[in-house]
Amino acid sequence: MTAQTIETGRVVIVGAGLGALYAALRLAPRPVVVVSPETLGAGASSAWAQGGVAAAMDARDTAASHAHDTEIAGAGIVDHDVATRVTEAAREHILALTRIGAPFDRTPEGGYVLSREAAHSFARVVRVRGDQAGREIMQALIAEVRATPSVQILEGAMATGLETEGGRVTGLRITSSGPVGSAPILLKGPAYLLAGGGSGGLFALTTNPPRIRGQVIGMAARAGAVIADAEFVQFHPTAIDTGEDPAPLATEALRGEGAVLINRDGERFMLSVHPDAELAPRDIVARAIFAQSQAGLRPMLDTRAVLGKRILTEFPAVTEACIRAGLDPVQAPIPVAAAAHYHMGGIEADASGRTSLAGLWVCGEASSTGLHGANRLASNGLLEALVYADLCARDIDASCRTSPDQPAASIDVRFEGTSDQPDPGAMAELRRTMTDCVGVVRDATGLRHALRTIARLEATAGGSASFLNMTATATLIAAAAWLREESRGGHFRTDFPNPRPELAHRSRMTLADALTLRGRLSEE
C-alpha cells in the first residue's frame, strides 16, 4: 500500500513517555512533532513507574557509588563509561524536573526524601508520594510540553515502520491508533527519535501498559538496526497477583521500607536465598518468587508490621490495586508474582543516542545503551531516559542544518481507510508462549518451541505491520536467549545455570541474524 507523504521541518519523535517529552523540551525552540498513540499520559510506561528516579542527592552519597552499584547489579556487562556518565548527570536532571514542577517529596529542611531500593548501597531514589513518581513527573512534563509552542502533539497516531535509503532513515510510517487503524501516512522530517517504550507486554504476565509490546524495537529491527542485549528481560518480583492484565505493581519501595516476602505457610523465604534478603537484586528475588509460585506456596508481600495503616496514604497506587481485588493490605499480605517489567535490551545506542541507522536516535526503554547490563538497578530506568533524551536532543540539534528558531508549520493529518490489525488469538498465543518459554527461567527446549511458534504465527496470522513488529522483537529476545548458553542477571537457563566468564560481554544481533537462527531451528 502506497503511503500518503507529508514532509515537515519538525523533528519526529515516536512515543509519549518521559524520554519523548523531555527530549521535546530539550530541543525547544526547534520544532518537533510527538507521535502518541493515546492522550498524553494515558499509555506510557513512565506514568506507571512507582519507585522514582535514582540519583545521588544526599551529601553523603556519590555518583561513583551509584555507578558502582549499577555495575554490580548488571552482572558483569555494564559499560563502565556509560554508568559513570549517567550517574554523574543524575543530579542536574532531578533539579531540572524540580524546576519544571515535579512535586518530589521533600524534607522539612527542603531536601529530597530518598528511598532505598534493591541492590542500592544507599537511599538515593527520589520519589513522589511513595509510589506516584512516574505519574506526577509525567503530569509536570505534560503541562510544560503543552505550554511549549515548538512542540506539536499528534495524539491518536501509531508508528508502524521506518522508510530507509542507503542505511539512512528517510521516513516514518504512521496509522491511526484506533481499533481499525488506517491507511499509512509517511512523515518525512529532518531527524527521527524513537522513545516508544520496551517489550514487557509481549508476555502474558506483565506490569507494562497494554500497548507496550515491542513495536518500536521491532520496527527498527525490521529496518536493519542493530539490537543489543535482547535476551535480558527484567521480571519484577512483586507484581500484584490478582488476575489483572496488566498486573498492578507493588513497588520495590515497600521492601525498602521493610516489607517482607512470605509464603502461604508464613515462611520468610528470602532469608535463605540471599544475604540482602528482600533487597537482593531483582533477578534473584524474581526467581525466588517464581520458585515459590511453581511449588504452589503462594508468595506474598507482607507490609502489615512495618507500615500498617500508613500504606493507605503513603502508597495509594498499591492500596487502590488491592481494594480493586477485594484485599485489605492493612490486615492481610499481598499476593505477588514475577512479571515481565523492563527490557534491558533494545536498539543499540552510542554515547549520543545514535543508532546504527543514520538519521535515527533512540532513548528510554527501547534503547540499549550499556547502562543496565544483564540486570537493571532499581529506578535507573527513568534516569537513563532523562539522560539520553538530553543527549539525543543535543546531538539532533547539532546535526540539523536549519536554525533551531526556524518555524515549521503544524502537521495536518487526516487518517483514512483501514489497515490490518493484529489477530487477538495470535496475540494471546504469542504472549502465552513468551511467558511459558522465554520467561523467568528458560531452557533450549522452550526457546526452540518459542521460535517455532513465532514463525508459525507470522505465517498464519496475517500481515499486520504492528504484529510483525511484535514478532520481530519476540524473535530477537528468544534467539539471543538461545545463543547465550549461560545464566547471567535477568537471563536464567536451567540447562546452563552458571555464568561463564568468557561470555561476560554484551550481545549484538540484527533481525536477519535472528531469522536465520529461527529458520535453522524450525527445520531441525
Protein backbone atom coordinates (compact mmCIF):
# COMPACT_ATOMS: atom_id res chain seq x y z
CA MET A 1 0.00 0.00 0.00
CA THR A 2 1.46 3.35 -1.04
CA ALA A 3 1.57 5.79 1.82
CA GLN A 4 0.44 9.40 1.64
CA THR A 5 3.56 11.53 2.22
CA ILE A 6 3.84 14.58 4.48
CA GLU A 7 7.12 16.49 4.54
CA THR A 8 7.86 18.54 7.63
CA GLY A 9 10.64 20.63 9.13
CA ARG A 10 9.81 19.18 12.54
CA VAL A 11 11.98 16.58 14.27
CA VAL A 12 9.83 13.45 14.52
CA ILE A 13 9.64 11.84 17.98
CA VAL A 14 7.96 8.45 18.46
CA GLY A 15 6.45 7.87 21.89
CA ALA A 16 4.89 9.96 24.62
CA GLY A 17 6.66 8.89 27.80
CA LEU A 18 9.36 10.54 29.87
CA GLY A 19 12.11 10.29 27.23
CA ALA A 20 9.97 11.59 24.40
CA LEU A 21 8.58 14.60 26.27
CA TYR A 22 11.88 15.51 27.93
CA ALA A 23 13.64 15.39 24.55
CA ALA A 24 10.92 17.59 23.02
CA LEU A 25 11.51 20.18 25.73
CA ARG A 26 15.30 19.97 25.44
CA LEU A 27 15.02 20.52 21.67
CA ALA A 28 12.98 23.72 22.11
CA PRO A 29 12.74 26.09 20.33
CA ARG A 30 13.47 23.65 17.49
CA PRO A 31 10.08 22.45 16.16
CA VAL A 32 9.16 18.84 16.90
CA VAL A 33 6.18 16.58 16.45
CA VAL A 34 5.47 13.90 19.06
CA VAL A 35 3.65 10.82 17.74
CA SER A 36 1.47 9.47 20.57
CA PRO A 37 -0.98 6.57 20.22
CA GLU A 38 -3.07 7.88 23.11
CA THR A 39 -3.80 11.04 25.03
CA LEU A 40 -0.60 12.18 26.72
CA GLY A 41 -0.02 10.33 29.97
CA ALA A 42 -2.55 7.58 29.28
CA GLY A 43 -0.47 4.75 27.85
CA ALA A 44 3.20 5.34 28.64
CA SER A 45 5.20 3.07 30.93
CA SER A 46 6.78 6.17 32.50
CA ALA A 47 3.45 7.17 34.04
CA TRP A 48 3.18 3.73 35.65
CA ALA A 49 6.63 3.86 37.27
CA GLN A 50 6.20 3.79 41.02
CA GLY A 51 9.63 3.84 42.65
CA GLY A 52 11.15 7.06 41.36
CA VAL A 53 14.43 8.27 39.88
CA ALA A 54 17.78 7.10 41.23
CA ALA A 55 20.26 9.92 41.89
CA ALA A 56 22.96 10.66 44.45
CA MET A 57 21.23 13.64 46.07
CA ASP A 58 22.39 13.08 49.65
CA ALA A 59 25.62 14.85 50.60
CA ARG A 60 26.95 11.56 51.96
CA ASP A 61 26.27 9.72 48.69
CA THR A 62 28.28 9.92 45.46
CA ALA A 63 27.73 9.36 41.77
CA ALA A 64 30.68 6.96 41.86
CA SER A 65 28.90 4.83 44.46
CA HIS A 66 25.74 4.89 42.33
CA ALA A 67 27.76 3.80 39.28
CA HIS A 68 29.41 1.01 41.28
CA ASP A 69 26.01 -0.31 42.41
CA THR A 70 24.82 -0.14 38.80
CA GLU A 71 27.76 -2.25 37.63
CA ILE A 72 27.35 -4.82 40.40
CA ALA A 73 23.64 -5.25 39.64
CA GLY A 74 24.37 -5.52 35.92
CA ALA A 75 26.23 -8.80 36.46
CA GLY A 76 29.48 -8.01 34.69
CA ILE A 77 28.42 -6.46 31.39
CA VAL A 78 27.59 -2.84 32.26
CA ASP A 79 29.54 -0.31 30.21
CA HIS A 80 31.64 1.48 32.87
CA ASP A 81 31.85 4.75 30.94
CA VAL A 82 28.09 4.83 30.41
CA ALA A 83 27.39 4.14 34.09
CA THR A 84 29.76 6.94 35.07
CA ARG A 85 28.27 9.40 32.59
CA VAL A 86 24.66 8.68 33.56
CA THR A 87 25.12 8.75 37.33
CA GLU A 88 27.16 11.95 37.18
CA ALA A 89 24.37 13.63 35.21
CA ALA A 90 21.59 12.43 37.53
CA ARG A 91 21.57 15.38 39.92
CA GLU A 92 21.20 18.03 37.22
CA HIS A 93 18.16 16.27 35.77
CA ILE A 94 16.44 15.95 39.15
CA LEU A 95 16.94 19.70 39.59
CA ALA A 96 15.62 20.31 36.06
CA LEU A 97 12.48 18.29 36.78
CA THR A 98 12.04 20.18 40.04
CA ARG A 99 12.17 23.48 38.15
CA ILE A 100 9.56 22.18 35.72
CA GLY A 101 7.29 21.41 38.66
CA ALA A 102 7.74 17.73 39.53
CA PRO A 103 6.47 17.58 43.13
CA PHE A 104 9.16 15.38 44.66
CA ASP A 105 8.74 14.53 48.34
CA ARG A 106 10.75 16.98 50.41
CA THR A 107 12.01 17.03 53.98
CA PRO A 108 11.12 19.87 56.38
CA GLU A 109 14.61 21.24 55.71
CA GLY A 110 13.97 21.32 51.94
CA GLY A 111 15.98 18.26 50.95
CA TYR A 112 14.66 15.35 48.93
CA VAL A 113 13.04 12.36 50.63
CA LEU A 114 15.11 9.39 49.45
CA SER A 115 14.14 5.71 49.41
CA ARG A 116 16.46 2.74 49.31
CA GLU A 117 15.64 0.04 46.78
CA ALA A 118 17.11 -3.34 45.93
CA ALA A 119 20.87 -3.54 45.27
CA HIS A 120 21.45 0.13 46.13
CA SER A 121 24.04 0.67 48.87
CA PHE A 122 22.43 3.98 49.79
CA ALA A 123 18.97 5.55 49.91
CA ARG A 124 19.01 7.51 46.65
CA VAL A 125 15.63 7.07 44.95
CA VAL A 126 13.86 10.42 44.63
CA ARG A 127 10.15 9.78 44.95
CA VAL A 128 6.70 11.37 44.91
CA ARG A 129 4.05 10.40 47.46
CA GLY A 130 5.55 6.96 47.97
CA ASP A 131 4.52 5.31 44.70
CA GLN A 132 3.37 8.20 42.49
CA ALA A 133 6.69 9.29 40.94
CA GLY A 134 6.06 8.30 37.34
CA ARG A 135 2.55 9.73 37.23
CA GLU A 136 3.43 13.03 38.89
CA ILE A 137 6.63 13.61 36.89
CA MET A 138 4.70 12.92 33.70
CA GLN A 139 1.95 15.37 34.67
CA ALA A 140 4.54 18.10 35.20
CA LEU A 141 6.20 17.33 31.85
CA ILE A 142 2.86 17.20 30.01
CA ALA A 143 1.90 20.62 31.36
CA GLU A 144 5.26 22.04 30.27
CA VAL A 145 5.05 20.43 26.82
CA ARG A 146 1.53 21.70 26.21
CA ALA A 147 2.76 25.22 27.05
CA THR A 148 5.74 24.98 24.67
CA PRO A 149 4.91 26.45 21.23
CA SER A 150 7.58 24.46 19.35
CA VAL A 151 6.02 21.09 20.29
CA GLN A 152 3.13 19.62 18.32
CA ILE A 153 1.46 16.54 19.80
CA LEU A 154 -0.03 14.12 17.29
CA GLU A 155 -2.36 12.10 19.50
CA GLY A 156 -4.16 9.04 18.18
CA ALA A 157 -1.29 8.15 15.82
CA MET A 158 0.82 5.00 15.96
CA ALA A 159 4.19 4.45 14.33
CA THR A 160 4.35 1.22 12.35
CA GLY A 161 7.55 1.33 10.29
CA LEU A 162 10.61 3.16 9.07
CA GLU A 163 11.50 4.02 5.49
CA THR A 164 15.20 3.75 4.74
CA GLU A 165 17.51 4.51 1.84
CA GLY A 166 21.16 3.53 1.81
CA GLY A 167 21.28 2.85 5.55
CA ARG A 168 19.62 6.17 6.42
CA VAL A 169 16.13 6.62 7.83
CA THR A 170 14.14 8.84 5.47
CA GLY A 171 10.60 8.50 6.80
CA LEU A 172 8.26 7.18 9.48
CA ARG A 173 5.04 5.36 8.64
CA ILE A 174 2.11 6.09 10.94
CA THR A 175 -1.51 4.98 11.08
CA SER A 176 -4.48 5.75 13.27
CA SER A 177 -4.17 4.01 16.64
CA GLY A 178 -7.91 3.39 16.69
CA PRO A 179 -9.42 -0.10 16.61
CA VAL A 180 -9.45 -0.36 12.81
CA GLY A 181 -6.24 1.53 12.04
CA SER A 182 -5.99 3.46 8.79
CA ALA A 183 -4.08 3.67 5.55
CA PRO A 184 -0.43 4.56 6.28
CA ILE A 185 0.95 8.08 6.16
CA LEU A 186 4.66 8.69 5.66
CA LEU A 187 6.18 11.51 7.72
CA LYS A 188 9.47 12.83 6.35
CA GLY A 189 11.40 15.05 8.77
CA PRO A 190 15.00 16.14 9.37
CA ALA A 191 15.63 13.59 12.16
CA TYR A 192 13.86 10.76 13.95
CA LEU A 193 13.93 9.86 17.65
CA LEU A 194 12.46 6.60 18.89
CA ALA A 195 11.30 6.83 22.50
CA GLY A 196 8.37 4.45 22.44
CA GLY A 197 8.92 2.01 25.30
CA GLY A 198 10.01 -1.58 25.78
CA SER A 199 8.52 -5.02 25.26
CA GLY A 200 7.02 -6.24 28.53
CA GLY A 201 3.55 -6.59 27.02
CA LEU A 202 4.83 -9.37 24.78
CA PHE A 203 4.50 -11.55 27.88
CA ALA A 204 1.17 -12.77 29.27
CA LEU A 205 2.14 -11.74 32.80
CA THR A 206 3.40 -8.15 32.71
CA THR A 207 3.30 -4.82 34.54
CA ASN A 208 3.50 -2.79 31.29
CA PRO A 209 0.68 -0.76 29.71
CA PRO A 210 -1.28 -2.70 27.05
CA ARG A 211 0.35 -1.03 24.02
CA ILE A 212 3.95 -1.63 25.14
CA ARG A 213 4.62 -4.80 23.16
CA GLY A 214 7.99 -4.31 21.48
CA GLN A 215 6.71 -2.48 18.41
CA VAL A 216 9.34 0.27 18.43
CA ILE A 217 12.26 -2.14 18.82
CA GLY A 218 10.68 -4.34 16.16
CA MET A 219 10.22 -1.58 13.58
CA ALA A 220 13.87 -0.52 13.98
CA ALA A 221 14.99 -4.14 13.69
CA ARG A 222 12.91 -4.63 10.54
CA ALA A 223 14.64 -1.56 9.08
CA GLY A 224 18.04 -3.15 9.76
CA ALA A 225 19.09 -1.57 13.07
CA VAL A 226 21.46 -3.46 15.36
CA ILE A 227 19.75 -4.75 18.51
CA ALA A 228 21.83 -5.25 21.66
CA ASP A 229 21.30 -7.38 24.79
CA ALA A 230 17.88 -8.58 23.59
CA GLU A 231 17.94 -11.64 25.88
CA PHE A 232 17.95 -9.57 29.07
CA VAL A 233 14.37 -9.01 30.24
CA GLN A 234 13.78 -7.97 33.83
CA PHE A 235 10.94 -9.62 35.68
CA HIS A 236 9.63 -7.56 38.58
CA PRO A 237 9.35 -9.80 41.64
CA THR A 238 6.26 -8.20 43.12
CA ALA A 239 3.51 -7.77 40.59
CA ILE A 240 0.22 -7.96 42.49
CA ASP A 241 -1.16 -11.39 41.61
CA THR A 242 -4.92 -10.88 41.40
CA GLY A 243 -5.58 -11.77 37.75
CA GLU A 244 -5.47 -8.26 36.25
CA ASP A 245 -3.86 -7.79 32.82
CA PRO A 246 -1.57 -5.94 33.04
CA ALA A 247 -0.72 -6.78 36.64
CA PRO A 248 -0.56 -3.86 39.10
CA LEU A 249 2.82 -3.26 40.66
CA ALA A 250 3.77 -3.43 44.32
CA THR A 251 6.68 -1.02 44.22
CA GLU A 252 10.10 -2.05 45.45
CA ALA A 253 9.97 0.91 47.81
CA LEU A 254 7.72 -1.21 50.01
CA ARG A 255 10.60 -3.61 50.57
CA GLY A 256 12.86 -0.62 51.03
CA GLU A 257 10.57 0.40 53.90
CA GLY A 258 10.97 -3.06 55.43
CA ALA A 259 8.10 -5.12 53.98
CA VAL A 260 8.95 -8.83 53.83
CA LEU A 261 8.18 -11.70 51.48
CA ILE A 262 6.41 -14.71 52.96
CA ASN A 263 4.63 -17.73 51.54
CA ARG A 264 1.29 -19.25 52.48
CA ASP A 265 2.99 -21.09 55.37
CA GLY A 266 4.28 -17.80 56.79
CA GLU A 267 7.92 -18.59 55.92
CA ARG A 268 10.12 -15.59 55.12
CA PHE A 269 11.84 -17.45 52.28
CA MET A 270 14.32 -14.80 51.07
CA LEU A 271 16.41 -15.14 54.23
CA SER A 272 17.81 -18.43 52.94
CA VAL A 273 18.25 -17.19 49.37
CA HIS A 274 20.49 -14.11 49.64
CA PRO A 275 22.28 -12.10 52.37
CA ASP A 276 20.25 -9.00 51.40
CA ALA A 277 17.00 -10.98 51.64
CA GLU A 278 14.14 -8.89 50.15
CA LEU A 279 16.60 -6.26 48.90
CA ALA A 280 18.63 -8.68 46.80
CA PRO A 281 18.97 -7.86 43.08
CA ARG A 282 15.70 -8.13 41.21
CA ASP A 283 16.60 -11.22 39.20
CA ILE A 284 17.35 -13.20 42.35
CA VAL A 285 14.13 -12.13 44.07
CA ALA A 286 12.12 -12.79 40.91
CA ARG A 287 13.43 -16.36 40.61
CA ALA A 288 12.71 -17.00 44.28
CA ILE A 289 9.15 -15.70 43.83
CA PHE A 290 8.77 -17.84 40.69
CA ALA A 291 10.01 -20.94 42.53
CA GLN A 292 7.50 -20.38 45.34
CA SER A 293 4.70 -19.96 42.78
CA GLN A 294 5.73 -23.11 40.89
CA ALA A 295 5.72 -25.05 44.17
CA GLY A 296 2.19 -23.86 44.93
CA LEU A 297 3.33 -21.94 48.02
CA ARG A 298 1.59 -18.64 47.12
CA PRO A 299 4.24 -15.92 47.70
CA MET A 300 3.02 -12.72 49.36
CA LEU A 301 4.37 -9.32 50.34
CA ASP A 302 3.65 -8.52 53.98
CA THR A 303 3.53 -4.80 54.80
CA ARG A 304 1.47 -5.11 57.98
CA ALA A 305 4.17 -4.85 60.64
CA VAL A 306 6.28 -2.14 59.01
CA LEU A 307 3.57 0.09 57.51
CA GLY A 308 0.19 -0.83 58.93
CA LYS A 309 -2.33 1.87 58.04
CA ARG A 310 0.42 4.10 56.60
CA ILE A 311 0.22 2.09 53.36
CA LEU A 312 -3.17 3.70 52.67
CA THR A 313 -1.73 7.21 52.41
CA GLU A 314 1.92 6.62 51.54
CA PHE A 315 1.37 4.05 48.76
CA PRO A 316 -2.00 4.91 47.21
CA ALA A 317 -1.48 3.03 43.91
CA VAL A 318 -0.76 -0.24 45.71
CA THR A 319 -3.71 0.33 48.04
CA GLU A 320 -6.05 1.04 45.13
CA ALA A 321 -4.98 -2.15 43.32
CA CYS A 322 -5.58 -4.18 46.47
CA ILE A 323 -9.01 -2.66 47.01
CA ARG A 324 -10.00 -3.47 43.40
CA ALA A 325 -9.23 -7.11 44.16
CA GLY A 326 -11.08 -7.11 47.48
CA LEU A 327 -7.87 -7.14 49.56
CA ASP A 328 -7.11 -5.07 52.63
CA PRO A 329 -3.30 -4.59 52.81
CA VAL A 330 -3.59 -3.31 56.37
CA GLN A 331 -5.00 -6.65 57.50
CA ALA A 332 -3.57 -9.19 55.03
CA PRO A 333 -0.40 -9.80 52.99
CA ILE A 334 -0.50 -9.01 49.26
CA PRO A 335 -0.20 -11.96 46.81
CA VAL A 336 2.62 -11.40 44.31
CA ALA A 337 4.15 -12.96 41.20
CA ALA A 338 7.15 -12.29 38.95
CA ALA A 339 6.05 -10.38 35.83
CA ALA A 340 7.82 -9.01 32.74
CA HIS A 341 8.65 -5.45 33.67
CA TYR A 342 11.61 -3.89 31.84
CA HIS A 343 13.70 -4.75 28.79
CA MET A 344 17.40 -4.09 29.34
CA GLY A 345 17.99 -4.83 25.66
CA GLY A 346 16.84 -2.84 22.69
CA ILE A 347 18.07 -0.72 19.80
CA GLU A 348 21.80 -0.21 20.24
CA ALA A 349 22.62 3.43 21.07
CA ASP A 350 26.01 5.12 21.19
CA ALA A 351 27.12 7.85 23.60
CA SER A 352 24.93 10.40 21.78
CA GLY A 353 21.91 8.12 21.40
CA ARG A 354 22.62 7.41 17.73
CA THR A 355 21.60 4.03 16.32
CA SER A 356 23.32 2.02 13.59
CA LEU A 357 20.97 3.69 11.07
CA ALA A 358 21.89 7.25 10.06
CA GLY A 359 19.29 9.85 10.97
CA LEU A 360 17.81 7.71 13.76
CA TRP A 361 18.27 8.22 17.50
CA VAL A 362 16.80 6.28 20.43
CA CYS A 363 16.30 6.85 24.16
CA GLY A 364 14.43 5.21 27.00
CA GLU A 365 13.46 1.57 27.30
CA ALA A 366 13.51 0.97 23.54
CA SER A 367 17.27 1.59 23.65
CA SER A 368 20.23 -0.45 24.80
CA THR A 369 22.93 1.93 25.99
CA GLY A 370 25.04 -0.43 28.09
CA LEU A 371 23.84 1.11 31.37
CA HIS A 372 21.77 -1.81 32.60
CA GLY A 373 23.89 -4.78 31.59
CA ALA A 374 22.15 -8.05 32.43
CA ASN A 375 20.03 -6.65 35.23
CA ARG A 376 18.77 -3.07 35.67
CA LEU A 377 19.44 -1.44 39.02
CA ALA A 378 16.15 -0.30 40.56
CA SER A 379 14.93 3.17 39.43
CA ASN A 380 17.72 3.57 36.87
CA GLY A 381 15.18 3.31 34.05
CA LEU A 382 13.68 6.78 34.37
CA LEU A 383 17.17 8.18 34.96
CA GLU A 384 18.50 6.66 31.75
CA ALA A 385 15.51 8.04 29.82
CA LEU A 386 16.23 11.55 31.11
CA VAL A 387 19.96 11.49 30.45
CA TYR A 388 19.72 10.03 26.96
CA ALA A 389 16.76 12.19 25.99
CA ASP A 390 19.02 15.14 26.71
CA LEU A 391 21.99 13.62 24.85
CA CYS A 392 19.81 12.80 21.85
CA ALA A 393 18.33 16.30 21.81
CA ARG A 394 21.77 17.90 21.85
CA ASP A 395 23.06 15.67 19.05
CA ILE A 396 19.92 16.03 16.91
CA ASP A 397 20.06 19.80 17.28
CA ALA A 398 23.72 19.84 16.22
CA SER A 399 23.01 17.61 13.22
CA CYS A 400 20.12 19.65 11.82
CA ARG A 401 21.06 22.10 9.08
CA THR A 402 18.34 24.63 9.85
CA SER A 403 18.37 27.18 12.66
CA PRO A 404 16.56 25.97 15.81
CA ASP A 405 14.50 29.16 15.68
CA GLN A 406 13.22 28.50 12.16
CA PRO A 407 9.45 27.88 12.42
CA ALA A 408 7.71 24.86 10.92
CA ALA A 409 4.07 24.57 10.01
CA SER A 410 1.86 22.30 12.07
CA ILE A 411 1.25 18.90 10.55
CA ASP A 412 -2.33 18.33 9.44
CA VAL A 413 -3.01 14.59 9.43
CA ARG A 414 -6.25 13.07 8.17
CA PHE A 415 -6.37 9.33 8.62
CA GLU A 416 -8.45 7.49 6.03
CA GLY A 417 -9.33 3.89 5.29
CA THR A 418 -8.48 0.88 7.45
CA SER A 419 -5.47 -1.38 7.98
CA ASP A 420 -4.75 -4.94 9.05
CA GLN A 421 -4.90 -5.31 12.83
CA PRO A 422 -3.22 -7.96 14.97
CA ASP A 423 -5.32 -11.10 15.38
CA PRO A 424 -6.39 -11.31 19.06
CA GLY A 425 -5.98 -15.08 19.14
CA ALA A 426 -2.49 -14.93 17.66
CA MET A 427 -1.52 -12.17 20.08
CA ALA A 428 -2.76 -14.21 23.06
CA GLU A 429 -0.79 -17.25 21.88
CA LEU A 430 2.34 -15.16 21.36
CA ARG A 431 2.11 -13.72 24.87
CA ARG A 432 1.49 -17.13 26.48
CA THR A 433 4.43 -18.58 24.58
CA MET A 434 6.76 -15.81 25.71
CA THR A 435 5.77 -16.22 29.37
CA ASP A 436 5.94 -20.02 29.29
CA CYS A 437 9.10 -20.45 27.19
CA VAL A 438 11.09 -17.18 27.38
CA GLY A 439 10.17 -16.13 30.91
CA VAL A 440 11.83 -16.09 34.32
CA VAL A 441 13.55 -19.42 33.66
CA ARG A 442 14.49 -20.76 30.22
CA ASP A 443 15.97 -23.80 28.51
CA ALA A 444 16.78 -24.96 24.99
CA THR A 445 13.56 -26.94 24.58
CA GLY A 446 11.37 -23.99 25.49
CA LEU A 447 13.33 -21.49 23.42
CA ARG A 448 13.18 -23.72 20.34
CA HIS A 449 9.43 -24.11 20.83
CA ALA A 450 9.05 -20.34 21.17
CA LEU A 451 10.93 -19.61 17.95
CA ARG A 452 8.94 -22.20 16.03
CA THR A 453 5.66 -20.84 17.39
CA ILE A 454 6.57 -17.26 16.48
CA ALA A 455 7.42 -18.38 12.94
CA ARG A 456 4.08 -20.16 12.62
CA LEU A 457 2.13 -17.18 13.93
CA GLU A 458 3.88 -14.87 11.46
CA ALA A 459 2.95 -17.19 8.61
CA THR A 460 -0.70 -17.68 9.57
CA ALA A 461 -1.87 -14.56 11.43
CA GLY A 462 -1.81 -12.05 8.57
CA GLY A 463 0.49 -9.23 7.61
CA SER A 464 -0.33 -6.56 10.19
CA ALA A 465 2.71 -4.27 10.46
CA SER A 466 2.12 -3.88 14.18
CA PHE A 467 2.06 -7.65 14.73
CA LEU A 468 5.19 -8.14 12.61
CA ASN A 469 6.96 -5.54 14.74
CA MET A 470 5.99 -7.53 17.83
CA THR A 471 7.09 -10.88 16.43
CA ALA A 472 10.39 -9.34 15.31
CA THR A 473 11.14 -8.30 18.89
CA ALA A 474 9.95 -11.64 20.27
CA THR A 475 12.21 -13.44 17.79
CA LEU A 476 15.21 -11.34 18.81
CA ILE A 477 14.64 -12.00 22.53
CA ALA A 478 14.29 -15.75 22.07
CA ALA A 479 17.17 -16.05 19.59
CA ALA A 480 19.56 -14.08 21.81
CA ALA A 481 18.47 -16.19 24.78
CA TRP A 482 19.17 -19.35 22.78
CA LEU A 483 22.67 -18.17 21.91
CA ARG A 484 23.62 -17.16 25.46
CA GLU A 485 24.45 -20.56 26.92
CA GLU A 486 24.87 -19.37 30.49
CA SER A 487 22.86 -17.72 33.25
CA ARG A 488 23.54 -14.04 33.92
CA GLY A 489 21.35 -11.40 35.52
CA GLY A 490 17.80 -11.46 34.20
CA HIS A 491 18.65 -14.32 31.80
CA PHE A 492 18.49 -17.70 33.57
CA ARG A 493 18.79 -21.03 31.78
CA THR A 494 18.22 -24.23 33.72
CA ASP A 495 20.38 -26.11 31.21
CA PHE A 496 23.24 -23.63 31.71
CA PRO A 497 22.70 -22.49 35.33
CA ASN A 498 26.07 -20.81 35.89
CA PRO A 499 27.72 -17.72 34.40
CA ARG A 500 30.63 -18.28 32.03
CA PRO A 501 33.46 -15.73 32.28
CA GLU A 502 34.15 -15.83 28.55
CA LEU A 503 30.55 -14.68 27.91
CA ALA A 504 30.81 -11.60 30.13
CA HIS A 505 30.11 -9.22 27.26
CA ARG A 506 27.13 -7.61 25.59
CA SER A 507 25.34 -9.29 22.69
CA ARG A 508 24.55 -7.70 19.34
CA MET A 509 22.27 -9.03 16.64
CA THR A 510 20.29 -7.97 13.60
CA LEU A 511 16.86 -9.32 12.77
CA ALA A 512 18.39 -11.07 9.76
CA ASP A 513 20.71 -12.95 12.14
CA ALA A 514 17.80 -13.93 14.37
CA LEU A 515 15.65 -15.07 11.44
CA THR A 516 18.48 -17.25 10.14
CA LEU A 517 18.71 -18.95 13.53
CA ARG A 518 14.93 -19.28 13.75
CA GLY A 519 14.80 -20.88 10.33
CA ARG A 520 17.51 -23.37 11.21
CA LEU A 521 15.83 -24.41 14.45
CA SER A 522 12.45 -24.70 12.73
CA GLU A 523 13.93 -27.19 10.28
CA GLU A 524 15.63 -29.39 12.89
